[in-house]
Structures are given as structure tokens and as C-alpha cells.
PDB file of N, CA and C in Angstrom:
ATOM      1  N   MET A   1      87.752 100.230  98.043  1.00  0.00           N
ATOM      2  CA  MET A   1      86.901  98.436  98.238  1.00  0.00           C
ATOM      3  C   MET A   1      88.646  97.855  97.357  1.00  0.00           C
ATOM      4  N   ALA A   2      88.609  96.284  98.377  1.00  0.00           N
ATOM      5  CA  ALA A   2      89.719  95.720  98.083  1.00  0.00           C
ATOM      6  C   ALA A   2      88.838  94.267  97.043  1.00  0.00           C
ATOM      7  N   ARG A   3      89.634  94.060  96.180  1.00  0.00           N
ATOM      8  CA  ARG A   3      89.453  92.866  95.042  1.00  0.00           C
ATOM      9  C   ARG A   3      89.974  91.351  95.490  1.00  0.00           C
ATOM     10  N   VAL A   4      89.721  90.627  94.944  1.00  0.00           N
ATOM     11  CA  VAL A   4      89.431  88.804  95.488  1.00  0.00           C
ATOM     12  C   VAL A   4      89.768  88.519  93.879  1.00  0.00           C
ATOM     13  N   ARG A   5      89.923  87.780  94.414  1.00  0.00           N
ATOM     14  CA  ARG A   5      90.670  86.658  92.466  1.00  0.00           C
ATOM     15  C   ARG A   5      89.298  85.631  92.390  1.00  0.00           C
ATOM     16  N   PHE A   6      88.478  85.166  91.469  1.00  0.00           N
ATOM     17  CA  PHE A   6      87.434  84.271  92.138  1.00  0.00           C
ATOM     18  C   PHE A   6      88.138  82.756  90.995  1.00  0.00           C
ATOM     19  N   VAL A   7      88.809  81.769  92.497  1.00  0.00           N
ATOM     20  CA  VAL A   7      89.502  80.066  91.333  1.00  0.00           C
ATOM     21  C   VAL A   7      87.979  79.375  92.388  1.00  0.00           C
ATOM     22  N   GLY A   8      87.280  79.221  91.905  1.00  0.00           N
ATOM     23  CA  GLY A   8      86.815  78.082  91.786  1.00  0.00           C
ATOM     24  C   GLY A   8      86.598  77.800  89.792  1.00  0.00           C
ATOM     25  N   PRO A   9      86.140  76.484  89.887  1.00  0.00           N
ATOM     26  CA  PRO A   9      85.933  76.041  88.655  1.00  0.00           C
ATOM     27  C   PRO A   9      85.235  76.057  88.102  1.00  0.00           C
ATOM     28  N   GLU A  10      83.777  77.287  87.986  1.00  0.00           N
ATOM     29  CA  GLU A  10      83.072  77.502  87.486  1.00  0.00           C
ATOM     30  C   GLU A  10      82.142  78.644  87.517  1.00  0.00           C
ATOM     31  N   PRO A  11      81.867  79.378  86.835  1.00  0.00           N
ATOM     32  CA  PRO A  11      81.282  80.632  86.837  1.00  0.00           C
ATOM     33  C   PRO A  11      79.684  79.926  88.743  1.00  0.00           C
ATOM     34  N   VAL A  12      80.015  81.771  88.945  1.00  0.00           N
ATOM     35  CA  VAL A  12      79.671  81.803  90.399  1.00  0.00           C
ATOM     36  C   VAL A  12      78.615  82.985  90.456  1.00  0.00           C
ATOM     37  N   THR A  13      76.980  83.649  90.020  1.00  0.00           N
ATOM     38  CA  THR A  13      76.254  84.500  90.878  1.00  0.00           C
ATOM     39  C   THR A  13      76.509  85.128  92.209  1.00  0.00           C
ATOM     40  N   VAL A  14      77.091  86.778  92.312  1.00  0.00           N
ATOM     41  CA  VAL A  14      76.826  86.161  93.600  1.00  0.00           C
ATOM     42  C   VAL A  14      76.247  87.633  94.336  1.00  0.00           C
ATOM     43  N   PRO A  15      74.811  86.947  94.604  1.00  0.00           N
ATOM     44  CA  PRO A  15      74.357  88.363  95.001  1.00  0.00           C
ATOM     45  C   PRO A  15      74.711  89.430  95.259  1.00  0.00           C
ATOM     46  N   GLU A  16      75.779  89.149  96.813  1.00  0.00           N
ATOM     47  CA  GLU A  16      76.011  90.575  97.461  1.00  0.00           C
ATOM     48  C   GLU A  16      76.945  91.549  96.051  1.00  0.00           C
ATOM     49  N   LEU A  17      76.377  91.425  95.188  1.00  0.00           N
ATOM     50  CA  LEU A  17      77.571  92.130  94.025  1.00  0.00           C
ATOM     51  C   LEU A  17      76.453  91.970  92.955  1.00  0.00           C
ATOM     52  N   TYR A  18      75.745  92.534  93.705  1.00  0.00           N
ATOM     53  CA  TYR A  18      74.293  93.005  92.545  1.00  0.00           C
ATOM     54  C   TYR A  18      73.416  92.144  91.472  1.00  0.00           C
ATOM     55  N   GLY A  19      74.108  90.150  92.096  1.00  0.00           N
ATOM     56  CA  GLY A  19      73.801  89.237  91.555  1.00  0.00           C
ATOM     57  C   GLY A  19      75.350  88.975  90.117  1.00  0.00           C
ATOM     58  N   ARG A  20      76.408  89.464  90.468  1.00  0.00           N
ATOM     59  CA  ARG A  20      76.431  89.306  89.487  1.00  0.00           C
ATOM     60  C   ARG A  20      77.426  88.210  89.193  1.00  0.00           C
ATOM     61  N   VAL A  21      77.667  88.237  88.065  1.00  0.00           N
ATOM     62  CA  VAL A  21      78.125  86.463  87.875  1.00  0.00           C
ATOM     63  C   VAL A  21      79.540  87.049  86.903  1.00  0.00           C
ATOM     64  N   VAL A  22      79.747  85.797  88.540  1.00  0.00           N
ATOM     65  CA  VAL A  22      82.466  86.175  88.721  1.00  0.00           C
ATOM     66  C   VAL A  22      82.299  84.946  87.618  1.00  0.00           C
ATOM     67  N   GLN A  23      83.768  85.300  86.720  1.00  0.00           N
ATOM     68  CA  GLN A  23      84.494  83.735  86.272  1.00  0.00           C
ATOM     69  C   GLN A  23      85.254  83.160  86.537  1.00  0.00           C
ATOM     70  N   PRO A  24      85.914  82.257  86.442  1.00  0.00           N
ATOM     71  CA  PRO A  24      87.302  82.076  86.816  1.00  0.00           C
ATOM     72  C   PRO A  24      88.055  82.434  86.226  1.00  0.00           C
ATOM     73  N   ASP A  25      88.941  83.001  87.491  1.00  0.00           N
ATOM     74  CA  ASP A  25      89.548  83.770  87.755  1.00  0.00           C
ATOM     75  C   ASP A  25      90.081  85.430  86.918  1.00  0.00           C
ATOM     76  N   GLU A  26      88.622  86.006  87.700  1.00  0.00           N
ATOM     77  CA  GLU A  26      87.974  86.257  87.838  1.00  0.00           C
ATOM     78  C   GLU A  26      88.261  87.646  89.004  1.00  0.00           C
ATOM     79  N   VAL A  27      88.858  89.052  88.158  1.00  0.00           N
ATOM     80  CA  VAL A  27      89.320  89.898  89.771  1.00  0.00           C
ATOM     81  C   VAL A  27      87.997  90.547  89.680  1.00  0.00           C
ATOM     82  N   VAL A  28      86.858  90.845  91.341  1.00  0.00           N
ATOM     83  CA  VAL A  28      86.283  91.380  91.486  1.00  0.00           C
ATOM     84  C   VAL A  28      86.250  92.968  92.932  1.00  0.00           C
ATOM     85  N   GLU A  29      85.442  93.958  92.860  1.00  0.00           N
ATOM     86  CA  GLU A  29      86.027  94.305  93.912  1.00  0.00           C
ATOM     87  C   GLU A  29      85.054  94.313  95.238  1.00  0.00           C
ATOM     88  N   VAL A  30      84.862  94.209  96.176  1.00  0.00           N
ATOM     89  CA  VAL A  30      84.091  93.848  97.524  1.00  0.00           C
ATOM     90  C   VAL A  30      84.063  94.977  98.667  1.00  0.00           C
ATOM     91  N   PRO A  31      83.266  95.116  99.007  1.00  0.00           N
ATOM     92  CA  PRO A  31      83.601  96.013 100.438  1.00  0.00           C
ATOM     93  C   PRO A  31      84.645  95.374 101.566  1.00  0.00           C
ATOM     94  N   ASP A  32      85.269  96.799 102.092  1.00  0.00           N
ATOM     95  CA  ASP A  32      86.609  96.233 102.826  1.00  0.00           C
ATOM     96  C   ASP A  32      85.350  95.659 103.522  1.00  0.00           C
ATOM     97  N   ALA A  33      84.537  95.812 104.105  1.00  0.00           N
ATOM     98  CA  ALA A  33      84.088  94.775 105.546  1.00  0.00           C
ATOM     99  C   ALA A  33      83.365  93.546 105.254  1.00  0.00           C
ATOM    100  N   ARG A  34      83.548  92.818 103.988  1.00  0.00           N
ATOM    101  CA  ARG A  34      83.202  91.723 103.629  1.00  0.00           C
ATOM    102  C   ARG A  34      83.994  90.913 103.388  1.00  0.00           C
ATOM    103  N   TYR A  35      85.641  92.087 102.634  1.00  0.00           N
ATOM    104  CA  TYR A  35      86.660  91.460 102.288  1.00  0.00           C
ATOM    105  C   TYR A  35      87.072  89.286 103.537  1.00  0.00           C
ATOM    106  N   GLU A  36      87.336  89.805 104.493  1.00  0.00           N
ATOM    107  CA  GLU A  36      87.302  88.657 105.404  1.00  0.00           C
ATOM    108  C   GLU A  36      85.974  87.882 105.363  1.00  0.00           C
ATOM    109  N   GLY A  37      85.029  87.759 104.671  1.00  0.00           N
ATOM    110  CA  GLY A  37      84.543  86.632 104.140  1.00  0.00           C
ATOM    111  C   GLY A  37      84.621  85.646 103.605  1.00  0.00           C
ATOM    112  N   TYR A  38      85.171  86.524 102.113  1.00  0.00           N
ATOM    113  CA  TYR A  38      85.948  86.148 100.553  1.00  0.00           C
ATOM    114  C   TYR A  38      87.476  85.254 101.134  1.00  0.00           C
ATOM    115  N   VAL A  39      87.771  85.984 101.957  1.00  0.00           N
ATOM    116  CA  VAL A  39      89.228  85.267 101.821  1.00  0.00           C
ATOM    117  C   VAL A  39      89.694  83.843 102.417  1.00  0.00           C
ATOM    118  N   CYS A  40      88.186  84.377 103.260  1.00  0.00           N
ATOM    119  CA  CYS A  40      88.375  82.475 103.796  1.00  0.00           C
ATOM    120  C   CYS A  40      87.926  81.721 104.457  1.00  0.00           C
ATOM    121  N   GLN A  41      87.937  81.834 102.743  1.00  0.00           N
ATOM    122  CA  GLN A  41      87.828  80.314 102.091  1.00  0.00           C
ATOM    123  C   GLN A  41      88.125  80.553 100.324  1.00  0.00           C
ATOM    124  N   PRO A  42      89.591  79.872 101.318  1.00  0.00           N
ATOM    125  CA  PRO A  42      90.647  79.587  99.847  1.00  0.00           C
ATOM    126  C   PRO A  42      90.190  78.645  98.691  1.00  0.00           C
ATOM    127  N   ALA A  43      89.573  77.325  99.098  1.00  0.00           N
ATOM    128  CA  ALA A  43      88.949  77.157  97.892  1.00  0.00           C
ATOM    129  C   ALA A  43      88.172  77.605  96.703  1.00  0.00           C
ATOM    130  N   ASN A  44      87.794  79.237  96.848  1.00  0.00           N
ATOM    131  CA  ASN A  44      87.172  79.912  95.691  1.00  0.00           C
ATOM    132  C   ASN A  44      87.591  81.152  95.304  1.00  0.00           C
ATOM    133  N   TRP A  45      87.475  81.874  96.464  1.00  0.00           N
ATOM    134  CA  TRP A  45      88.611  83.130  96.891  1.00  0.00           C
ATOM    135  C   TRP A  45      90.311  83.258  96.479  1.00  0.00           C
ATOM    136  N   GLU A  46      90.766  83.888  96.513  1.00  0.00           N
ATOM    137  CA  GLU A  46      92.092  84.622  96.600  1.00  0.00           C
ATOM    138  C   GLU A  46      91.927  85.999  96.885  1.00  0.00           C
ATOM    139  N   SER A  47      92.489  86.598  97.473  1.00  0.00           N
ATOM    140  CA  SER A  47      93.628  87.924  97.868  1.00  0.00           C
ATOM    141  C   SER A  47      94.280  88.367  96.043  1.00  0.00           C
ATOM    142  N   VAL A  48      94.011  89.828  96.427  1.00  0.00           N
ATOM    143  CA  VAL A  48      94.195  90.798  95.012  1.00  0.00           C
ATOM    144  C   VAL A  48      94.635  91.967  95.019  1.00  0.00           C
ATOM    145  N   GLU A  49      93.605  92.347  95.867  1.00  0.00           N
ATOM    146  CA  GLU A  49      94.220  94.059  97.269  1.00  0.00           C
ATOM    147  C   GLU A  49      93.536  93.466  98.468  1.00  0.00           C
ATOM    148  N   GLU A  50      93.752  94.716  99.584  1.00  0.00           N
ATOM    149  CA  GLU A  50      93.896  94.275 100.703  1.00  0.00           C
ATOM    150  C   GLU A  50      93.188  95.870 101.149  1.00  0.00           C
ATOM    151  N   PRO A  51      92.114  95.166 101.888  1.00  0.00           N
ATOM    152  CA  PRO A  51      91.196  97.123 102.160  1.00  0.00           C
ATOM    153  C   PRO A  51      92.231  97.550 102.732  1.00  0.00           C
ATOM    154  N   LYS A  52      92.622  98.957 102.275  1.00  0.00           N
ATOM    155  CA  LYS A  52      93.270  99.949 102.542  1.00  0.00           C
ATOM    156  C   LYS A  52      93.099  99.729 104.147  1.00  0.00           C
ATOM    157  N   PRO A  53      93.804 100.873 104.707  1.00  0.00           N
ATOM    158  CA  PRO A  53      93.504 101.309 106.505  1.00  0.00           C
ATOM    159  C   PRO A  53      93.063 102.011 106.306  1.00  0.00           C
ATOM    160  N   GLU A  54      91.629 102.244 107.258  1.00  0.00           N
ATOM    161  CA  GLU A  54      91.215 103.732 107.555  1.00  0.00           C
ATOM    162  C   GLU A  54      91.703 104.317 107.704  1.00  0.00           C
ATOM    163  N   PRO A  55      91.997 105.912 107.295  1.00  0.00           N
ATOM    164  CA  PRO A  55      93.232 107.083 108.267  1.00  0.00           C
ATOM    165  C   PRO A  55      92.702 107.314 109.296  1.00  0.00           C
ATOM    166  N   ALA A  56      93.505 107.929 110.478  1.00  0.00           N
ATOM    167  CA  ALA A  56      92.902 107.780 111.818  1.00  0.00           C
ATOM    168  C   ALA A  56      91.838 109.301 112.138  1.00  0.00           C
ATOM    169  N   LYS A  57      90.999 108.710 112.839  1.00  0.00           N
ATOM    170  CA  LYS A  57      90.190 109.950 112.923  1.00  0.00           C
ATOM    171  C   LYS A  57      91.155 111.464 114.488  1.00  0.00           C
ATOM    172  N   LYS A  58      90.789 112.595 113.557  1.00  0.00           N
ATOM    173  CA  LYS A  58      91.928 113.771 114.151  1.00  0.00           C
ATOM    174  C   LYS A  58      90.424 113.732 115.159  1.00  0.00           C
ATOM    175  N   THR A  59      91.225 113.522 116.916  1.00  0.00           N
ATOM    176  CA  THR A  59      90.820 114.134 118.080  1.00  0.00           C
ATOM    177  C   THR A  59      90.495 115.362 118.843  1.00  0.00           C
ATOM    178  N   ALA A  60      90.150 116.061 119.372  1.00  0.00           N
ATOM    179  CA  ALA A  60      90.686 117.416 119.758  1.00  0.00           C
ATOM    180  C   ALA A  60      90.230 116.648 121.617  1.00  0.00           C
ATOM    181  N   ALA A  61      92.304 117.198 121.722  1.00  0.00           N
ATOM    182  CA  ALA A  61      92.282 116.976 123.239  1.00  0.00           C
ATOM    183  C   ALA A  61      91.848 118.257 123.863  1.00  0.00           C
ATOM    184  N   LYS A  62      91.316 116.932 125.145  1.00  0.00           N
ATOM    185  CA  LYS A  62      90.399 117.829 125.609  1.00  0.00           C
ATOM    186  C   LYS A  62      91.380 117.351 127.587  1.00  0.00           C
ATOM    187  N   THR A  63      91.317 118.648 128.195  1.00  0.00           N
ATOM    188  CA  THR A  63      91.530 118.669 129.837  1.00  0.00           C
ATOM    189  C   THR A  63      90.418 119.198 130.301  1.00  0.00           C
ATOM    190  N   LEU A  64      90.972 117.967 131.456  1.00  0.00           N
ATOM    191  CA  LEU A  64      90.141 117.786 132.326  1.00  0.00           C
ATOM    192  C   LEU A  64      90.485 118.607 133.280  1.00  0.00           C
ATOM    193  N   LYS A  65      89.093 119.437 134.322  1.00  0.00           N
ATOM    194  CA  LYS A  65      90.293 120.525 135.038  1.00  0.00           C
ATOM    195  C   LYS A  65      89.892 119.551 136.257  1.00  0.00           C
ATOM    196  N   GLY A  66      90.363 120.028 137.590  1.00  0.00           N
ATOM    197  CA  GLY A  66      90.068 118.751 139.086  1.00  0.00           C
ATOM    198  C   GLY A  66      89.501 119.882 139.815  1.00  0.00           C
ATOM    199  N   SER A  67      88.679 119.520 140.885  1.00  0.00           N
ATOM    200  CA  SER A  67      87.864 120.512 141.325  1.00  0.00           C
ATOM    201  C   SER A  67      88.326 120.857 142.687  1.00  0.00           C
ATOM    202  N   ASP A  68      88.301 121.645 143.332  1.00  0.00           N
ATOM    203  CA  ASP A  68      89.187 122.553 144.283  1.00  0.00           C
ATOM    204  C   ASP A  68      89.140 122.542 145.624  1.00  0.00           C
ATOM    205  N   ASP A  69      87.873 121.955 145.434  1.00  0.00           N
ATOM    206  CA  ASP A  69      86.928 121.928 146.915  1.00  0.00           C
ATOM    207  C   ASP A  69      87.923 120.735 148.136  1.00  0.00           C
TER     208      ASP A  69
END
């Protein structure tokens, strides 16, 4: 989970955080997938900790055999 700080002037209710009331200058955790939706509002939110990159998935190398027809 990523972390953002609420920089607005008065408390707000954030439905996405299960209706939690967030106070000015409070740091909260938000889902990584929604991080950009918060930090794109610089008058209200600032980044504290960006989402961590997802580890690369290991995939098996496949070789393709050509036909000799």
C-alpha cells in the first residue's frame, strides 16, 4: 500500500477508505492502484511513499520448433 498525506484545510470523509475521516496533515495508506488518484490532487494530497514496483513474474522460456515440411 502507498501512503499519502492529506493537506486540505479541514477533515474529510474518504468513502474509499471505508468512510474514514481524515484529519489535516494525517498520513493514510491507500491502495497502490489508487495512488495516482490522490496525488493528482496536489491541493488536497501529497505523496509520502509511492507504491512499490511489482516484482517481475517469472515465465518459462518456450522454444518454438519450426516445421520441416
